[in-house]
Amino acid sequence: MTTHLPVTPAWTCGGCGADWPCQTRRCELRAEYQRAPVSLALYLAAQLVDAAQDLSHVPAGHLHHRFLGWTR
């Protein structure tokens, strides 16, 4: 079980304090969803929707890059 889960409403990492998803969690997610990249994108898109409500002051493009841009 990972300690790198989001702490809301700030959307920081509970394991290292970085913006979530942090580098460690990204690596974990890549491994977990290795055979299901579309499922990973759907999971992160759902997280993005939740984060956008909490982080309304953060530009949408930044949130998109943070949550989905690294999955390519």
PDB file of N, CA and C in Angstrom:
ATOM      1  N   MET A   1       0.844  -1.186   0.000  1.00  0.00           N
ATOM      2  CA  MET A   1       0.000   0.000   0.000  1.00  0.00           C
ATOM      3  C   MET A   1       0.888   1.247   0.000  1.00  0.00           C
ATOM      4  N   THR A   2       0.537   2.179  -0.826  1.00  0.00           N
ATOM      5  CA  THR A   2       1.334   3.392  -0.954  1.00  0.00           C
ATOM      6  C   THR A   2       0.979   4.424   0.111  1.00  0.00           C
ATOM      7  N   THR A   3       1.950   5.234   0.430  1.00  0.00           N
ATOM      8  CA  THR A   3       1.695   6.377   1.309  1.00  0.00           C
ATOM      9  C   THR A   3       1.542   7.649   0.476  1.00  0.00           C
ATOM     10  N   HIS A   4       1.712   7.526  -0.815  1.00  0.00           N
ATOM     11  CA  HIS A   4       1.689   8.676  -1.732  1.00  0.00           C
ATOM     12  C   HIS A   4       0.288   8.913  -2.286  1.00  0.00           C
ATOM     13  N   LEU A   5      -0.642   9.158  -1.366  1.00  0.00           N
ATOM     14  CA  LEU A   5      -2.026   9.427  -1.724  1.00  0.00           C
ATOM     15  C   LEU A   5      -2.301  10.918  -1.591  1.00  0.00           C
ATOM     16  N   PRO A   6      -3.304  11.429  -2.306  1.00  0.00           N
ATOM     17  CA  PRO A   6      -3.583  12.861  -2.238  1.00  0.00           C
ATOM     18  C   PRO A   6      -4.172  13.288  -0.897  1.00  0.00           C
ATOM     19  N   VAL A   7      -3.710  14.433  -0.441  1.00  0.00           N
ATOM     20  CA  VAL A   7      -4.269  15.072   0.735  1.00  0.00           C
ATOM     21  C   VAL A   7      -5.067  16.262   0.225  1.00  0.00           C
ATOM     22  N   THR A   8      -6.370  16.176   0.380  1.00  0.00           N
ATOM     23  CA  THR A   8      -7.227  17.242  -0.121  1.00  0.00           C
ATOM     24  C   THR A   8      -7.579  18.203   1.004  1.00  0.00           C
ATOM     25  N   PRO A   9      -7.909  19.413   0.759  1.00  0.00           N
ATOM     26  CA  PRO A   9      -8.185  20.016  -0.531  1.00  0.00           C
ATOM     27  C   PRO A   9      -6.963  20.617  -1.227  1.00  0.00           C
ATOM     28  N   ALA A  10      -5.792  20.472  -0.641  1.00  0.00           N
ATOM     29  CA  ALA A  10      -4.591  21.063  -1.238  1.00  0.00           C
ATOM     30  C   ALA A  10      -4.030  20.218  -2.380  1.00  0.00           C
ATOM     31  N   TRP A  11      -4.405  18.957  -2.447  1.00  0.00           N
ATOM     32  CA  TRP A  11      -3.910  18.023  -3.456  1.00  0.00           C
ATOM     33  C   TRP A  11      -2.387  17.926  -3.431  1.00  0.00           C
ATOM     34  N   THR A  12      -1.874  17.751  -2.213  1.00  0.00           N
ATOM     35  CA  THR A  12      -0.462  17.452  -2.029  1.00  0.00           C
ATOM     36  C   THR A  12      -0.335  15.972  -1.702  1.00  0.00           C
ATOM     37  N   CYS A  13       0.860  15.461  -1.789  1.00  0.00           N
ATOM     38  CA  CYS A  13       1.106  14.051  -1.532  1.00  0.00           C
ATOM     39  C   CYS A  13       1.274  13.809  -0.035  1.00  0.00           C
ATOM     40  N   GLY A  14       0.552  12.817   0.468  1.00  0.00           N
ATOM     41  CA  GLY A  14       0.652  12.471   1.879  1.00  0.00           C
ATOM     42  C   GLY A  14       1.963  11.799   2.240  1.00  0.00           C
ATOM     43  N   GLY A  15       2.704  11.328   1.246  1.00  0.00           N
ATOM     44  CA  GLY A  15       3.971  10.656   1.501  1.00  0.00           C
ATOM     45  C   GLY A  15       5.178  11.574   1.473  1.00  0.00           C
ATOM     46  N   CYS A  16       5.162  12.538   0.543  1.00  0.00           N
ATOM     47  CA  CYS A  16       6.359  13.377   0.394  1.00  0.00           C
ATOM     48  C   CYS A  16       6.063  14.874   0.403  1.00  0.00           C
ATOM     49  N   GLY A  17       4.791  15.259   0.333  1.00  0.00           N
ATOM     50  CA  GLY A  17       4.426  16.666   0.389  1.00  0.00           C
ATOM     51  C   GLY A  17       4.444  17.401  -0.937  1.00  0.00           C
ATOM     52  N   ALA A  18       4.857  16.738  -2.012  1.00  0.00           N
ATOM     53  CA  ALA A  18       4.882  17.367  -3.337  1.00  0.00           C
ATOM     54  C   ALA A  18       3.458  17.461  -3.885  1.00  0.00           C
ATOM     55  N   ASP A  19       3.300  18.193  -4.976  1.00  0.00           N
ATOM     56  CA  ASP A  19       2.009  18.211  -5.654  1.00  0.00           C
ATOM     57  C   ASP A  19       1.656  16.788  -6.069  1.00  0.00           C
ATOM     58  N   TRP A  20       0.384  16.424  -5.884  1.00  0.00           N
ATOM     59  CA  TRP A  20      -0.059  15.077  -6.248  1.00  0.00           C
ATOM     60  C   TRP A  20      -0.611  15.097  -7.660  1.00  0.00           C
ATOM     61  N   PRO A  21      -0.303  14.121  -8.487  1.00  0.00           N
ATOM     62  CA  PRO A  21       0.504  12.935  -8.235  1.00  0.00           C
ATOM     63  C   PRO A  21       1.996  13.249  -8.314  1.00  0.00           C
ATOM     64  N   CYS A  22       2.698  12.901  -7.271  1.00  0.00           N
ATOM     65  CA  CYS A  22       4.146  13.129  -7.195  1.00  0.00           C
ATOM     66  C   CYS A  22       4.875  12.127  -8.103  1.00  0.00           C
ATOM     67  N   GLN A  23       6.160  12.295  -8.232  1.00  0.00           N
ATOM     68  CA  GLN A  23       6.945  11.397  -9.091  1.00  0.00           C
ATOM     69  C   GLN A  23       6.833   9.937  -8.643  1.00  0.00           C
ATOM     70  N   THR A  24       6.877   9.713  -7.348  1.00  0.00           N
ATOM     71  CA  THR A  24       6.779   8.341  -6.838  1.00  0.00           C
ATOM     72  C   THR A  24       5.436   7.733  -7.203  1.00  0.00           C
ATOM     73  N   ARG A  25       4.346   8.499  -6.978  1.00  0.00           N
ATOM     74  CA  ARG A  25       3.021   7.958  -7.283  1.00  0.00           C
ATOM     75  C   ARG A  25       2.846   7.752  -8.773  1.00  0.00           C
ATOM     76  N   ARG A  26       3.424   8.611  -9.582  1.00  0.00           N
ATOM     77  CA  ARG A  26       3.352   8.425 -11.040  1.00  0.00           C
ATOM     78  C   ARG A  26       3.996   7.100 -11.440  1.00  0.00           C
ATOM     79  N   CYS A  27       5.150   6.813 -10.870  1.00  0.00           N
ATOM     80  CA  CYS A  27       5.813   5.530 -11.160  1.00  0.00           C
ATOM     81  C   CYS A  27       4.955   4.358 -10.696  1.00  0.00           C
ATOM     82  N   GLU A  28       4.374   4.485  -9.520  1.00  0.00           N
ATOM     83  CA  GLU A  28       3.505   3.424  -9.010  1.00  0.00           C
ATOM     84  C   GLU A  28       2.289   3.235  -9.909  1.00  0.00           C
ATOM     85  N   LEU A  29       1.687   4.334 -10.331  1.00  0.00           N
ATOM     86  CA  LEU A  29       0.511   4.247 -11.197  1.00  0.00           C
ATOM     87  C   LEU A  29       0.856   3.642 -12.553  1.00  0.00           C
ATOM     88  N   ARG A  30       2.007   4.021 -13.110  1.00  0.00           N
ATOM     89  CA  ARG A  30       2.436   3.419 -14.381  1.00  0.00           C
ATOM     90  C   ARG A  30       2.553   1.903 -14.244  1.00  0.00           C
ATOM     91  N   ALA A  31       3.116   1.445 -13.145  1.00  0.00           N
ATOM     92  CA  ALA A  31       3.261   0.010 -12.920  1.00  0.00           C
ATOM     93  C   ALA A  31       1.899  -0.650 -12.701  1.00  0.00           C
ATOM     94  N   GLU A  32       1.046  -0.026 -11.912  1.00  0.00           N
ATOM     95  CA  GLU A  32      -0.273  -0.588 -11.614  1.00  0.00           C
ATOM     96  C   GLU A  32      -1.141  -0.697 -12.863  1.00  0.00           C
ATOM     97  N   TYR A  33      -1.051   0.277 -13.740  1.00  0.00           N
ATOM     98  CA  TYR A  33      -1.899   0.339 -14.931  1.00  0.00           C
ATOM     99  C   TYR A  33      -1.120   0.022 -16.209  1.00  0.00           C
ATOM    100  N   GLN A  34      -0.044  -0.707 -16.067  1.00  0.00           N
ATOM    101  CA  GLN A  34       0.832  -0.982 -17.211  1.00  0.00           C
ATOM    102  C   GLN A  34       0.061  -1.541 -18.410  1.00  0.00           C
ATOM    103  N   ARG A  35      -0.875  -2.410 -18.170  1.00  0.00           N
ATOM    104  CA  ARG A  35      -1.634  -3.042 -19.258  1.00  0.00           C
ATOM    105  C   ARG A  35      -2.979  -2.374 -19.501  1.00  0.00           C
ATOM    106  N   ALA A  36      -3.223  -1.270 -18.840  1.00  0.00           N
ATOM    107  CA  ALA A  36      -4.516  -0.599 -18.972  1.00  0.00           C
ATOM    108  C   ALA A  36      -4.351   0.920 -19.000  1.00  0.00           C
ATOM    109  N   PRO A  37      -3.682   1.452 -20.022  1.00  0.00           N
ATOM    110  CA  PRO A  37      -3.430   2.890 -20.050  1.00  0.00           C
ATOM    111  C   PRO A  37      -4.698   3.740 -20.138  1.00  0.00           C
ATOM    112  N   VAL A  38      -5.732   3.238 -20.771  1.00  0.00           N
ATOM    113  CA  VAL A  38      -6.980   3.997 -20.849  1.00  0.00           C
ATOM    114  C   VAL A  38      -7.612   4.083 -19.457  1.00  0.00           C
ATOM    115  N   SER A  39      -7.554   2.998 -18.717  1.00  0.00           N
ATOM    116  CA  SER A  39      -8.078   3.011 -17.348  1.00  0.00           C
ATOM    117  C   SER A  39      -7.306   4.001 -16.479  1.00  0.00           C
ATOM    118  N   LEU A  40      -6.003   4.086 -16.670  1.00  0.00           N
ATOM    119  CA  LEU A  40      -5.197   5.060 -15.934  1.00  0.00           C
ATOM    120  C   LEU A  40      -5.662   6.477 -16.269  1.00  0.00           C
ATOM    121  N   ALA A  41      -5.860   6.746 -17.551  1.00  0.00           N
ATOM    122  CA  ALA A  41      -6.305   8.077 -17.970  1.00  0.00           C
ATOM    123  C   ALA A  41      -7.681   8.403 -17.381  1.00  0.00           C
ATOM    124  N   LEU A  42      -8.569   7.434 -17.351  1.00  0.00           N
ATOM    125  CA  LEU A  42      -9.899   7.664 -16.784  1.00  0.00           C
ATOM    126  C   LEU A  42      -9.825   7.922 -15.283  1.00  0.00           C
ATOM    127  N   TYR A  43      -8.995   7.160 -14.589  1.00  0.00           N
ATOM    128  CA  TYR A  43      -8.803   7.371 -13.148  1.00  0.00           C
ATOM    129  C   TYR A  43      -8.277   8.778 -12.876  1.00  0.00           C
ATOM    130  N   LEU A  44      -7.251   9.167 -13.617  1.00  0.00           N
ATOM    131  CA  LEU A  44      -6.646  10.479 -13.401  1.00  0.00           C
ATOM    132  C   LEU A  44      -7.584  11.602 -13.815  1.00  0.00           C
ATOM    133  N   ALA A  45      -8.393  11.375 -14.843  1.00  0.00           N
ATOM    134  CA  ALA A  45      -9.370  12.388 -15.246  1.00  0.00           C
ATOM    135  C   ALA A  45     -10.391  12.616 -14.133  1.00  0.00           C
ATOM    136  N   ALA A  46     -10.813  11.554 -13.476  1.00  0.00           N
ATOM    137  CA  ALA A  46     -11.744  11.689 -12.350  1.00  0.00           C
ATOM    138  C   ALA A  46     -11.091  12.460 -11.206  1.00  0.00           C
ATOM    139  N   GLN A  47      -9.811  12.179 -10.959  1.00  0.00           N
ATOM    140  CA  GLN A  47      -9.082  12.910  -9.922  1.00  0.00           C
ATOM    141  C   GLN A  47      -8.947  14.381 -10.307  1.00  0.00           C
ATOM    142  N   LEU A  48      -8.737  14.649 -11.580  1.00  0.00           N
ATOM    143  CA  LEU A  48      -8.618  16.015 -12.087  1.00  0.00           C
ATOM    144  C   LEU A  48      -9.913  16.788 -11.840  1.00  0.00           C
ATOM    145  N   VAL A  49     -11.045  16.170 -12.095  1.00  0.00           N
ATOM    146  CA  VAL A  49     -12.331  16.835 -11.864  1.00  0.00           C
ATOM    147  C   VAL A  49     -12.468  17.215 -10.395  1.00  0.00           C
ATOM    148  N   ASP A  50     -12.145  16.292  -9.502  1.00  0.00           N
ATOM    149  CA  ASP A  50     -12.221  16.587  -8.072  1.00  0.00           C
ATOM    150  C   ASP A  50     -11.248  17.693  -7.680  1.00  0.00           C
ATOM    151  N   ALA A  51     -10.034  17.617  -8.201  1.00  0.00           N
ATOM    152  CA  ALA A  51      -9.020  18.619  -7.872  1.00  0.00           C
ATOM    153  C   ALA A  51      -9.409  19.995  -8.395  1.00  0.00           C
ATOM    154  N   ALA A  52     -10.027  20.050  -9.566  1.00  0.00           N
ATOM    155  CA  ALA A  52     -10.421  21.335 -10.147  1.00  0.00           C
ATOM    156  C   ALA A  52     -11.419  22.059  -9.254  1.00  0.00           C
ATOM    157  N   GLN A  53     -12.241  21.314  -8.558  1.00  0.00           N
ATOM    158  CA  GLN A  53     -13.193  21.943  -7.637  1.00  0.00           C
ATOM    159  C   GLN A  53     -12.466  22.547  -6.435  1.00  0.00           C
ATOM    160  N   ASP A  54     -11.465  21.833  -5.938  1.00  0.00           N
ATOM    161  CA  ASP A  54     -10.706  22.321  -4.780  1.00  0.00           C
ATOM    162  C   ASP A  54      -9.685  23.390  -5.148  1.00  0.00           C
ATOM    163  N   LEU A  55      -9.139  23.286  -6.336  1.00  0.00           N
ATOM    164  CA  LEU A  55      -8.049  24.178  -6.763  1.00  0.00           C
ATOM    165  C   LEU A  55      -8.530  25.136  -7.849  1.00  0.00           C
ATOM    166  N   SER A  56      -9.653  25.773  -7.617  1.00  0.00           N
ATOM    167  CA  SER A  56     -10.256  26.644  -8.635  1.00  0.00           C
ATOM    168  C   SER A  56      -9.355  27.822  -9.014  1.00  0.00           C
ATOM    169  N   HIS A  57      -8.384  28.137  -8.181  1.00  0.00           N
ATOM    170  CA  HIS A  57      -7.453  29.230  -8.458  1.00  0.00           C
ATOM    171  C   HIS A  57      -6.306  28.813  -9.378  1.00  0.00           C
ATOM    172  N   VAL A  58      -6.152  27.517  -9.636  1.00  0.00           N
ATOM    173  CA  VAL A  58      -5.081  27.014 -10.492  1.00  0.00           C
ATOM    174  C   VAL A  58      -5.597  26.936 -11.926  1.00  0.00           C
ATOM    175  N   PRO A  59      -4.837  27.453 -12.903  1.00  0.00           N
ATOM    176  CA  PRO A  59      -5.293  27.401 -14.289  1.00  0.00           C
ATOM    177  C   PRO A  59      -5.560  25.961 -14.746  1.00  0.00           C
ATOM    178  N   ALA A  60      -6.627  25.797 -15.533  1.00  0.00           N
ATOM    179  CA  ALA A  60      -7.037  24.474 -15.997  1.00  0.00           C
ATOM    180  C   ALA A  60      -5.923  23.776 -16.777  1.00  0.00           C
ATOM    181  N   GLY A  61      -5.181  24.520 -17.577  1.00  0.00           N
ATOM    182  CA  GLY A  61      -4.086  23.921 -18.350  1.00  0.00           C
ATOM    183  C   GLY A  61      -3.010  23.332 -17.456  1.00  0.00           C
ATOM    184  N   HIS A  62      -2.748  23.998 -16.361  1.00  0.00           N
ATOM    185  CA  HIS A  62      -1.751  23.493 -15.413  1.00  0.00           C
ATOM    186  C   HIS A  62      -2.239  22.196 -14.773  1.00  0.00           C
ATOM    187  N   LEU A  63      -3.495  22.176 -14.371  1.00  0.00           N
ATOM    188  CA  LEU A  63      -4.050  20.960 -13.772  1.00  0.00           C
ATOM    189  C   LEU A  63      -4.064  19.812 -14.767  1.00  0.00           C
ATOM    190  N   HIS A  64      -4.416  20.103 -16.015  1.00  0.00           N
ATOM    191  CA  HIS A  64      -4.422  19.059 -17.043  1.00  0.00           C
ATOM    192  C   HIS A  64      -3.031  18.472 -17.204  1.00  0.00           C
ATOM    193  N   HIS A  65      -2.039  19.324 -17.286  1.00  0.00           N
ATOM    194  CA  HIS A  65      -0.660  18.842 -17.434  1.00  0.00           C
ATOM    195  C   HIS A  65      -0.235  18.029 -16.210  1.00  0.00           C
ATOM    196  N   ARG A  66      -0.576  18.503 -15.043  1.00  0.00           N
ATOM    197  CA  ARG A  66      -0.200  17.843 -13.791  1.00  0.00           C
ATOM    198  C   ARG A  66      -0.842  16.460 -13.651  1.00  0.00           C
ATOM    199  N   PHE A  67      -2.099  16.349 -13.993  1.00  0.00           N
ATOM    200  CA  PHE A  67      -2.817  15.099 -13.790  1.00  0.00           C
ATOM    201  C   PHE A  67      -2.752  14.160 -14.997  1.00  0.00           C
ATOM    202  N   LEU A  68      -2.743  14.690 -16.199  1.00  0.00           N
ATOM    203  CA  LEU A  68      -2.822  13.835 -17.384  1.00  0.00           C
ATOM    204  C   LEU A  68      -1.650  13.963 -18.353  1.00  0.00           C
ATOM    205  N   GLY A  69      -0.981  15.089 -18.344  1.00  0.00           N
ATOM    206  CA  GLY A  69       0.065  15.350 -19.331  1.00  0.00           C
ATOM    207  C   GLY A  69       1.225  14.370 -19.293  1.00  0.00           C
ATOM    208  N   TRP A  70       1.503  13.802 -18.151  1.00  0.00           N
ATOM    209  CA  TRP A  70       2.646  12.883 -18.001  1.00  0.00           C
ATOM    210  C   TRP A  70       2.330  11.465 -18.445  1.00  0.00           C
ATOM    211  N   THR A  71       1.082  11.162 -18.759  1.00  0.00           N
ATOM    212  CA  THR A  71       0.698   9.787 -19.064  1.00  0.00           C
ATOM    213  C   THR A  71       1.017   9.368 -20.489  1.00  0.00           C
ATOM    214  N   ARG A  72       1.423  10.261 -21.323  1.00  0.00           N
ATOM    215  CA  ARG A  72       1.671   9.939 -22.735  1.00  0.00           C
ATOM    216  C   ARG A  72       2.892   9.063 -22.899  1.00  0.00           C
TER     217      ARG A  72
END
